[in-house]
Amino acid sequence: MGDVMKGTLNVAGLLTNVYARSNRSNSSEQIVVLFFLHGRGENADSVDSTARAAFAWVDEKWATSSKRSLAPPRDFIVVTFVRDFLGAG
């Protein structure tokens, strides 16, 4: 369903990694966003593989959904925070 791409964005001074599919639509339709927080002592790089795996999980759920014929899935984005809220790392 498209490669997962990662970009880093500054949101009000907070660096975030934003993961999205390369083939996501450019429409104004609603999207689904997963905000993924890393644990204490970890960083955004340590959860990169988990953030990317979320896309495979969504694909699997869609493929096995009984509602699959109703509508295509919404665009899906994962956001991780590069630094913790106290700026300690």
PDB file of N, CA and C in Angstrom:
ATOM      1  N   MET A   1       0.808  -1.201   0.000  1.00  0.00           N
ATOM      2  CA  MET A   1       0.000   0.000   0.000  1.00  0.00           C
ATOM      3  C   MET A   1       0.849   1.262   0.000  1.00  0.00           C
ATOM      4  N   GLY A   2       2.076   1.186  -0.354  1.00  0.00           N
ATOM      5  CA  GLY A   2       2.948   2.360  -0.390  1.00  0.00           C
ATOM      6  C   GLY A   2       4.002   2.290   0.698  1.00  0.00           C
ATOM      7  N   ASP A   3       5.158   2.830   0.394  1.00  0.00           N
ATOM      8  CA  ASP A   3       6.246   2.864   1.367  1.00  0.00           C
ATOM      9  C   ASP A   3       5.917   3.842   2.481  1.00  0.00           C
ATOM     10  N   VAL A   4       6.450   3.573   3.672  1.00  0.00           N
ATOM     11  CA  VAL A   4       6.285   4.479   4.801  1.00  0.00           C
ATOM     12  C   VAL A   4       7.460   5.449   4.793  1.00  0.00           C
ATOM     13  N   MET A   5       7.132   6.736   4.787  1.00  0.00           N
ATOM     14  CA  MET A   5       8.156   7.784   4.773  1.00  0.00           C
ATOM     15  C   MET A   5       8.122   8.529   6.100  1.00  0.00           C
ATOM     16  N   LYS A   6       9.269   9.046   6.524  1.00  0.00           N
ATOM     17  CA  LYS A   6       9.364   9.784   7.781  1.00  0.00           C
ATOM     18  C   LYS A   6       9.903  11.171   7.520  1.00  0.00           C
ATOM     19  N   GLY A   7       9.266  12.154   8.146  1.00  0.00           N
ATOM     20  CA  GLY A   7       9.748  13.527   8.097  1.00  0.00           C
ATOM     21  C   GLY A   7       9.749  14.093   9.501  1.00  0.00           C
ATOM     22  N   THR A   8      10.611  15.065   9.757  1.00  0.00           N
ATOM     23  CA  THR A   8      10.665  15.705  11.066  1.00  0.00           C
ATOM     24  C   THR A   8      10.092  17.105  10.937  1.00  0.00           C
ATOM     25  N   LEU A   9       9.123  17.412  11.810  1.00  0.00           N
ATOM     26  CA  LEU A   9       8.466  18.717  11.795  1.00  0.00           C
ATOM     27  C   LEU A   9       8.567  19.363  13.167  1.00  0.00           C
ATOM     28  N   ASN A  10       8.715  20.678  13.181  1.00  0.00           N
ATOM     29  CA  ASN A  10       8.699  21.453  14.405  1.00  0.00           C
ATOM     30  C   ASN A  10       7.269  21.927  14.621  1.00  0.00           C
ATOM     31  N   VAL A  11       6.662  21.479  15.708  1.00  0.00           N
ATOM     32  CA  VAL A  11       5.290  21.869  16.032  1.00  0.00           C
ATOM     33  C   VAL A  11       5.350  22.681  17.327  1.00  0.00           C
ATOM     34  N   ALA A  12       5.250  23.992  17.192  1.00  0.00           N
ATOM     35  CA  ALA A  12       5.291  24.904  18.351  1.00  0.00           C
ATOM     36  C   ALA A  12       6.524  24.666  19.220  1.00  0.00           C
ATOM     37  N   GLY A  13       7.667  24.442  18.587  1.00  0.00           N
ATOM     38  CA  GLY A  13       8.911  24.237  19.310  1.00  0.00           C
ATOM     39  C   GLY A  13       9.177  22.802  19.725  1.00  0.00           C
ATOM     40  N   LEU A  14       8.268  21.898  19.451  1.00  0.00           N
ATOM     41  CA  LEU A  14       8.428  20.486  19.795  1.00  0.00           C
ATOM     42  C   LEU A  14       8.705  19.705  18.520  1.00  0.00           C
ATOM     43  N   LEU A  15       9.883  19.090  18.456  1.00  0.00           N
ATOM     44  CA  LEU A  15      10.212  18.307  17.267  1.00  0.00           C
ATOM     45  C   LEU A  15       9.432  17.005  17.270  1.00  0.00           C
ATOM     46  N   THR A  16       8.856  16.685  16.125  1.00  0.00           N
ATOM     47  CA  THR A  16       8.085  15.452  15.967  1.00  0.00           C
ATOM     48  C   THR A  16       8.551  14.731  14.713  1.00  0.00           C
ATOM     49  N   ASN A  17       8.485  13.415  14.752  1.00  0.00           N
ATOM     50  CA  ASN A  17       8.665  12.609  13.553  1.00  0.00           C
ATOM     51  C   ASN A  17       7.280  12.233  13.063  1.00  0.00           C
ATOM     52  N   VAL A  18       7.018  12.458  11.796  1.00  0.00           N
ATOM     53  CA  VAL A  18       5.720  12.163  11.215  1.00  0.00           C
ATOM     54  C   VAL A  18       5.920  11.087  10.152  1.00  0.00           C
ATOM     55  N   TYR A  19       5.230   9.969  10.332  1.00  0.00           N
ATOM     56  CA  TYR A  19       5.300   8.842   9.408  1.00  0.00           C
ATOM     57  C   TYR A  19       4.019   8.818   8.585  1.00  0.00           C
ATOM     58  N   ALA A  20       4.155   8.676   7.280  1.00  0.00           N
ATOM     59  CA  ALA A  20       2.992   8.595   6.398  1.00  0.00           C
ATOM     60  C   ALA A  20       3.368   7.751   5.189  1.00  0.00           C
ATOM     61  N   ARG A  21       2.360   7.250   4.529  1.00  0.00           N
ATOM     62  CA  ARG A  21       2.611   6.487   3.300  1.00  0.00           C
ATOM     63  C   ARG A  21       2.955   7.434   2.162  1.00  0.00           C
ATOM     64  N   SER A  22       3.807   6.972   1.297  1.00  0.00           N
ATOM     65  CA  SER A  22       4.212   7.788   0.148  1.00  0.00           C
ATOM     66  C   SER A  22       3.048   8.044  -0.796  1.00  0.00           C
ATOM     67  N   ASN A  23       2.038   7.172  -0.762  1.00  0.00           N
ATOM     68  CA  ASN A  23       0.911   7.310  -1.687  1.00  0.00           C
ATOM     69  C   ASN A  23      -0.341   7.856  -1.011  1.00  0.00           C
ATOM     70  N   ARG A  24      -0.187   8.549   0.132  1.00  0.00           N
ATOM     71  CA  ARG A  24      -1.374   9.070   0.796  1.00  0.00           C
ATOM     72  C   ARG A  24      -2.045  10.114  -0.070  1.00  0.00           C
ATOM     73  N   SER A  25      -3.343  10.264   0.118  1.00  0.00           N
ATOM     74  CA  SER A  25      -4.101  11.197  -0.719  1.00  0.00           C
ATOM     75  C   SER A  25      -3.835  12.633  -0.300  1.00  0.00           C
ATOM     76  N   ASN A  26      -4.102  13.548  -1.191  1.00  0.00           N
ATOM     77  CA  ASN A  26      -3.932  14.970  -0.908  1.00  0.00           C
ATOM     78  C   ASN A  26      -5.288  15.645  -0.746  1.00  0.00           C
ATOM     79  N   SER A  27      -6.260  14.887  -0.276  1.00  0.00           N
ATOM     80  CA  SER A  27      -7.607  15.416  -0.143  1.00  0.00           C
ATOM     81  C   SER A  27      -7.793  16.051   1.233  1.00  0.00           C
ATOM     82  N   SER A  28      -8.930  16.650   1.414  1.00  0.00           N
ATOM     83  CA  SER A  28      -9.267  17.258   2.702  1.00  0.00           C
ATOM     84  C   SER A  28     -10.101  16.306   3.556  1.00  0.00           C
ATOM     85  N   GLU A  29     -10.119  15.026   3.182  1.00  0.00           N
ATOM     86  CA  GLU A  29     -10.856  14.025   3.953  1.00  0.00           C
ATOM     87  C   GLU A  29     -10.213  13.845   5.323  1.00  0.00           C
ATOM     88  N   GLN A  30     -10.991  13.319   6.255  1.00  0.00           N
ATOM     89  CA  GLN A  30     -10.476  13.052   7.588  1.00  0.00           C
ATOM     90  C   GLN A  30      -9.375  12.004   7.533  1.00  0.00           C
ATOM     91  N   ILE A  31      -8.436  12.105   8.466  1.00  0.00           N
ATOM     92  CA  ILE A  31      -7.347  11.139   8.574  1.00  0.00           C
ATOM     93  C   ILE A  31      -7.354  10.542   9.974  1.00  0.00           C
ATOM     94  N   VAL A  32      -6.609   9.480  10.147  1.00  0.00           N
ATOM     95  CA  VAL A  32      -6.419   8.869  11.454  1.00  0.00           C
ATOM     96  C   VAL A  32      -4.961   9.108  11.843  1.00  0.00           C
ATOM     97  N   VAL A  33      -4.755   9.642  13.056  1.00  0.00           N
ATOM     98  CA  VAL A  33      -3.405   9.930  13.541  1.00  0.00           C
ATOM     99  C   VAL A  33      -3.171   9.176  14.839  1.00  0.00           C
ATOM    100  N   LEU A  34      -2.062   8.458  14.897  1.00  0.00           N
ATOM    101  CA  LEU A  34      -1.639   7.774  16.115  1.00  0.00           C
ATOM    102  C   LEU A  34      -0.483   8.574  16.706  1.00  0.00           C
ATOM    103  N   PHE A  35      -0.678   9.137  17.901  1.00  0.00           N
ATOM    104  CA  PHE A  35       0.401   9.820  18.611  1.00  0.00           C
ATOM    105  C   PHE A  35       1.072   8.776  19.488  1.00  0.00           C
ATOM    106  N   PHE A  36       2.339   8.516  19.207  1.00  0.00           N
ATOM    107  CA  PHE A  36       3.057   7.423  19.853  1.00  0.00           C
ATOM    108  C   PHE A  36       4.147   8.018  20.735  1.00  0.00           C
ATOM    109  N   LEU A  37       4.054   7.791  22.044  1.00  0.00           N
ATOM    110  CA  LEU A  37       5.030   8.328  22.994  1.00  0.00           C
ATOM    111  C   LEU A  37       6.033   7.247  23.381  1.00  0.00           C
ATOM    112  N   HIS A  38       7.297   7.604  23.394  1.00  0.00           N
ATOM    113  CA  HIS A  38       8.315   6.646  23.820  1.00  0.00           C
ATOM    114  C   HIS A  38       8.422   6.664  25.338  1.00  0.00           C
ATOM    115  N   GLY A  39       8.953   5.595  25.886  1.00  0.00           N
ATOM    116  CA  GLY A  39       9.095   5.483  27.335  1.00  0.00           C
ATOM    117  C   GLY A  39      10.254   6.301  27.867  1.00  0.00           C
ATOM    118  N   ARG A  40      10.272   6.457  29.172  1.00  0.00           N
ATOM    119  CA  ARG A  40      11.358   7.186  29.826  1.00  0.00           C
ATOM    120  C   ARG A  40      12.689   6.496  29.507  1.00  0.00           C
ATOM    121  N   GLY A  41      13.670   7.269  29.183  1.00  0.00           N
ATOM    122  CA  GLY A  41      14.979   6.716  28.853  1.00  0.00           C
ATOM    123  C   GLY A  41      15.117   6.296  27.401  1.00  0.00           C
ATOM    124  N   GLU A  42      14.010   6.296  26.652  1.00  0.00           N
ATOM    125  CA  GLU A  42      14.057   5.984  25.228  1.00  0.00           C
ATOM    126  C   GLU A  42      13.989   7.285  24.433  1.00  0.00           C
ATOM    127  N   ASN A  43      14.103   7.155  23.139  1.00  0.00           N
ATOM    128  CA  ASN A  43      13.975   8.328  22.277  1.00  0.00           C
ATOM    129  C   ASN A  43      13.192   7.937  21.023  1.00  0.00           C
ATOM    130  N   ALA A  44      12.955   8.905  20.179  1.00  0.00           N
ATOM    131  CA  ALA A  44      12.149   8.652  18.981  1.00  0.00           C
ATOM    132  C   ALA A  44      12.777   7.581  18.090  1.00  0.00           C
ATOM    133  N   ASP A  45      14.106   7.535  18.031  1.00  0.00           N
ATOM    134  CA  ASP A  45      14.766   6.524  17.195  1.00  0.00           C
ATOM    135  C   ASP A  45      14.507   5.110  17.715  1.00  0.00           C
ATOM    136  N   SER A  46      14.351   4.973  19.024  1.00  0.00           N
ATOM    137  CA  SER A  46      14.154   3.635  19.588  1.00  0.00           C
ATOM    138  C   SER A  46      12.763   3.080  19.297  1.00  0.00           C
ATOM    139  N   VAL A  47      11.824   3.928  18.894  1.00  0.00           N
ATOM    140  CA  VAL A  47      10.475   3.446  18.571  1.00  0.00           C
ATOM    141  C   VAL A  47      10.182   3.515  17.076  1.00  0.00           C
ATOM    142  N   ASP A  48      11.203   3.771  16.275  1.00  0.00           N
ATOM    143  CA  ASP A  48      11.023   3.883  14.827  1.00  0.00           C
ATOM    144  C   ASP A  48      10.401   2.619  14.238  1.00  0.00           C
ATOM    145  N   SER A  49      10.913   1.461  14.623  1.00  0.00           N
ATOM    146  CA  SER A  49      10.391   0.208  14.043  1.00  0.00           C
ATOM    147  C   SER A  49       8.942  -0.035  14.469  1.00  0.00           C
ATOM    148  N   THR A  50       8.584   0.350  15.690  1.00  0.00           N
ATOM    149  CA  THR A  50       7.209   0.183  16.153  1.00  0.00           C
ATOM    150  C   THR A  50       6.271   1.132  15.405  1.00  0.00           C
ATOM    151  N   ALA A  51       6.720   2.358  15.205  1.00  0.00           N
ATOM    152  CA  ALA A  51       5.907   3.327  14.463  1.00  0.00           C
ATOM    153  C   ALA A  51       5.655   2.827  13.041  1.00  0.00           C
ATOM    154  N   ARG A  52       6.670   2.273  12.418  1.00  0.00           N
ATOM    155  CA  ARG A  52       6.509   1.742  11.060  1.00  0.00           C
ATOM    156  C   ARG A  52       5.631   0.492  11.036  1.00  0.00           C
ATOM    157  N   ALA A  53       5.739  -0.334  12.080  1.00  0.00           N
ATOM    158  CA  ALA A  53       4.932  -1.561  12.150  1.00  0.00           C
ATOM    159  C   ALA A  53       3.448  -1.255  12.296  1.00  0.00           C
ATOM    160  N   ALA A  54       3.104  -0.090  12.791  1.00  0.00           N
ATOM    161  CA  ALA A  54       1.691   0.282  12.936  1.00  0.00           C
ATOM    162  C   ALA A  54       0.987   0.279  11.579  1.00  0.00           C
ATOM    163  N   PHE A  55       1.710   0.609  10.527  1.00  0.00           N
ATOM    164  CA  PHE A  55       1.113   0.616   9.186  1.00  0.00           C
ATOM    165  C   PHE A  55       0.763  -0.800   8.731  1.00  0.00           C
ATOM    166  N   ALA A  56       1.624  -1.759   9.036  1.00  0.00           N
ATOM    167  CA  ALA A  56       1.331  -3.155   8.696  1.00  0.00           C
ATOM    168  C   ALA A  56       0.131  -3.652   9.493  1.00  0.00           C
ATOM    169  N   TRP A  57       0.017  -3.233  10.754  1.00  0.00           N
ATOM    170  CA  TRP A  57      -1.116  -3.621  11.578  1.00  0.00           C
ATOM    171  C   TRP A  57      -2.421  -3.082  10.981  1.00  0.00           C
ATOM    172  N   VAL A  58      -2.413  -1.817  10.547  1.00  0.00           N
ATOM    173  CA  VAL A  58      -3.601  -1.221   9.929  1.00  0.00           C
ATOM    174  C   VAL A  58      -3.969  -1.988   8.661  1.00  0.00           C
ATOM    175  N   ASP A  59      -2.976  -2.310   7.840  1.00  0.00           N
ATOM    176  CA  ASP A  59      -3.231  -3.084   6.618  1.00  0.00           C
ATOM    177  C   ASP A  59      -3.876  -4.424   6.936  1.00  0.00           C
ATOM    178  N   GLU A  60      -3.360  -5.108   7.950  1.00  0.00           N
ATOM    179  CA  GLU A  60      -3.899  -6.410   8.331  1.00  0.00           C
ATOM    180  C   GLU A  60      -5.344  -6.287   8.801  1.00  0.00           C
ATOM    181  N   LYS A  61      -5.621  -5.300   9.629  1.00  0.00           N
ATOM    182  CA  LYS A  61      -6.986  -5.110  10.129  1.00  0.00           C
ATOM    183  C   LYS A  61      -7.948  -4.787   8.989  1.00  0.00           C
ATOM    184  N   TRP A  62      -7.514  -3.978   8.052  1.00  0.00           N
ATOM    185  CA  TRP A  62      -8.365  -3.639   6.908  1.00  0.00           C
ATOM    186  C   TRP A  62      -8.628  -4.869   6.051  1.00  0.00           C
ATOM    187  N   ALA A  63      -7.604  -5.669   5.833  1.00  0.00           N
ATOM    188  CA  ALA A  63      -7.744  -6.852   4.978  1.00  0.00           C
ATOM    189  C   ALA A  63      -8.703  -7.881   5.568  1.00  0.00           C
ATOM    190  N   THR A  64      -8.807  -7.925   6.886  1.00  0.00           N
ATOM    191  CA  THR A  64      -9.664  -8.915   7.536  1.00  0.00           C
ATOM    192  C   THR A  64     -10.973  -8.311   8.048  1.00  0.00           C
ATOM    193  N   SER A  65     -11.229  -7.059   7.742  1.00  0.00           N
ATOM    194  CA  SER A  65     -12.419  -6.387   8.241  1.00  0.00           C
ATOM    195  C   SER A  65     -13.680  -6.837   7.491  1.00  0.00           C
ATOM    196  N   SER A  66     -14.754  -7.023   8.225  1.00  0.00           N
ATOM    197  CA  SER A  66     -16.025  -7.371   7.588  1.00  0.00           C
ATOM    198  C   SER A  66     -16.657  -6.139   6.931  1.00  0.00           C
ATOM    199  N   LYS A  67     -16.174  -4.947   7.273  1.00  0.00           N
ATOM    200  CA  LYS A  67     -16.706  -3.705   6.711  1.00  0.00           C
ATOM    201  C   LYS A  67     -15.889  -3.220   5.521  1.00  0.00           C
ATOM    202  N   ARG A  68     -15.023  -4.045   5.032  1.00  0.00           N
ATOM    203  CA  ARG A  68     -14.111  -3.672   3.968  1.00  0.00           C
ATOM    204  C   ARG A  68     -14.811  -3.149   2.722  1.00  0.00           C
ATOM    205  N   SER A  69     -16.009  -3.644   2.449  1.00  0.00           N
ATOM    206  CA  SER A  69     -16.712  -3.235   1.236  1.00  0.00           C
ATOM    207  C   SER A  69     -17.386  -1.870   1.382  1.00  0.00           C
ATOM    208  N   LEU A  70     -17.458  -1.331   2.596  1.00  0.00           N
ATOM    209  CA  LEU A  70     -18.184  -0.074   2.809  1.00  0.00           C
ATOM    210  C   LEU A  70     -17.420   1.152   2.324  1.00  0.00           C
ATOM    211  N   ALA A  71     -16.172   1.273   2.692  1.00  0.00           N
ATOM    212  CA  ALA A  71     -15.385   2.450   2.314  1.00  0.00           C
ATOM    213  C   ALA A  71     -13.908   2.120   2.446  1.00  0.00           C
ATOM    214  N   PRO A  72     -13.091   2.772   1.656  1.00  0.00           N
ATOM    215  CA  PRO A  72     -11.645   2.544   1.792  1.00  0.00           C
ATOM    216  C   PRO A  72     -11.160   3.130   3.115  1.00  0.00           C
ATOM    217  N   PRO A  73     -10.037   2.648   3.617  1.00  0.00           N
ATOM    218  CA  PRO A  73      -9.525   3.183   4.877  1.00  0.00           C
ATOM    219  C   PRO A  73      -9.082   4.638   4.714  1.00  0.00           C
ATOM    220  N   ARG A  74      -9.161   5.369   5.798  1.00  0.00           N
ATOM    221  CA  ARG A  74      -8.675   6.747   5.800  1.00  0.00           C
ATOM    222  C   ARG A  74      -7.156   6.740   5.754  1.00  0.00           C
ATOM    223  N   ASP A  75      -6.596   7.872   5.347  1.00  0.00           N
ATOM    224  CA  ASP A  75      -5.148   8.004   5.434  1.00  0.00           C
ATOM    225  C   ASP A  75      -4.743   7.870   6.900  1.00  0.00           C
ATOM    226  N   PHE A  76      -3.593   7.270   7.122  1.00  0.00           N
ATOM    227  CA  PHE A  76      -3.113   6.968   8.464  1.00  0.00           C
ATOM    228  C   PHE A  76      -1.746   7.592   8.634  1.00  0.00           C
ATOM    229  N   ILE A  77      -1.538   8.286   9.745  1.00  0.00           N
ATOM    230  CA  ILE A  77      -0.269   8.952  10.043  1.00  0.00           C
ATOM    231  C   ILE A  77       0.124   8.607  11.468  1.00  0.00           C
ATOM    232  N   VAL A  78       1.417   8.404  11.706  1.00  0.00           N
ATOM    233  CA  VAL A  78       1.938   8.172  13.056  1.00  0.00           C
ATOM    234  C   VAL A  78       2.851   9.338  13.405  1.00  0.00           C
ATOM    235  N   VAL A  79       2.688   9.877  14.617  1.00  0.00           N
ATOM    236  CA  VAL A  79       3.514  10.985  15.090  1.00  0.00           C
ATOM    237  C   VAL A  79       4.235  10.542  16.354  1.00  0.00           C
ATOM    238  N   THR A  80       5.556  10.700  16.376  1.00  0.00           N
ATOM    239  CA  THR A  80       6.341  10.444  17.590  1.00  0.00           C
ATOM    240  C   THR A  80       7.018  11.740  17.991  1.00  0.00           C
ATOM    241  N   PHE A  81       7.308  11.886  19.265  1.00  0.00           N
ATOM    242  CA  PHE A  81       7.959  13.089  19.762  1.00  0.00           C
ATOM    243  C   PHE A  81       9.455  12.840  19.881  1.00  0.00           C
ATOM    244  N   VAL A  82      10.245  13.763  19.324  1.00  0.00           N
ATOM    245  CA  VAL A  82      11.689  13.595  19.282  1.00  0.00           C
ATOM    246  C   VAL A  82      12.300  13.855  20.659  1.00  0.00           C
ATOM    247  N   ARG A  83      11.764  14.802  21.386  1.00  0.00           N
ATOM    248  CA  ARG A  83      12.271  15.140  22.724  1.00  0.00           C
ATOM    249  C   ARG A  83      11.149  14.955  23.735  1.00  0.00           C
ATOM    250  N   ASP A  84      11.524  14.727  24.991  1.00  0.00           N
ATOM    251  CA  ASP A  84      10.463  14.616  25.995  1.00  0.00           C
ATOM    252  C   ASP A  84       9.949  16.014  26.354  1.00  0.00           C
ATOM    253  N   PHE A  85       8.884  16.063  27.123  1.00  0.00           N
ATOM    254  CA  PHE A  85       8.222  17.326  27.413  1.00  0.00           C
ATOM    255  C   PHE A  85       9.070  18.265  28.265  1.00  0.00           C
ATOM    256  N   LEU A  86      10.046  17.752  28.973  1.00  0.00           N
ATOM    257  CA  LEU A  86      10.899  18.602  29.808  1.00  0.00           C
ATOM    258  C   LEU A  86      12.154  19.025  29.075  1.00  0.00           C
ATOM    259  N   GLY A  87      12.321  18.572  27.849  1.00  0.00           N
ATOM    260  CA  GLY A  87      13.489  18.940  27.064  1.00  0.00           C
ATOM    261  C   GLY A  87      14.763  18.259  27.512  1.00  0.00           C
ATOM    262  N   ALA A  88      14.634  17.157  28.241  1.00  0.00           N
ATOM    263  CA  ALA A  88      15.814  16.469  28.769  1.00  0.00           C
ATOM    264  C   ALA A  88      16.391  15.464  27.797  1.00  0.00           C
ATOM    265  N   GLY A  89      15.804  15.304  26.653  1.00  0.00           N
ATOM    266  CA  GLY A  89      16.410  14.351  25.746  1.00  0.00           C
ATOM    267  C   GLY A  89      15.427  13.708  24.902  1.00  0.00           C
TER     268      GLY A  89
END
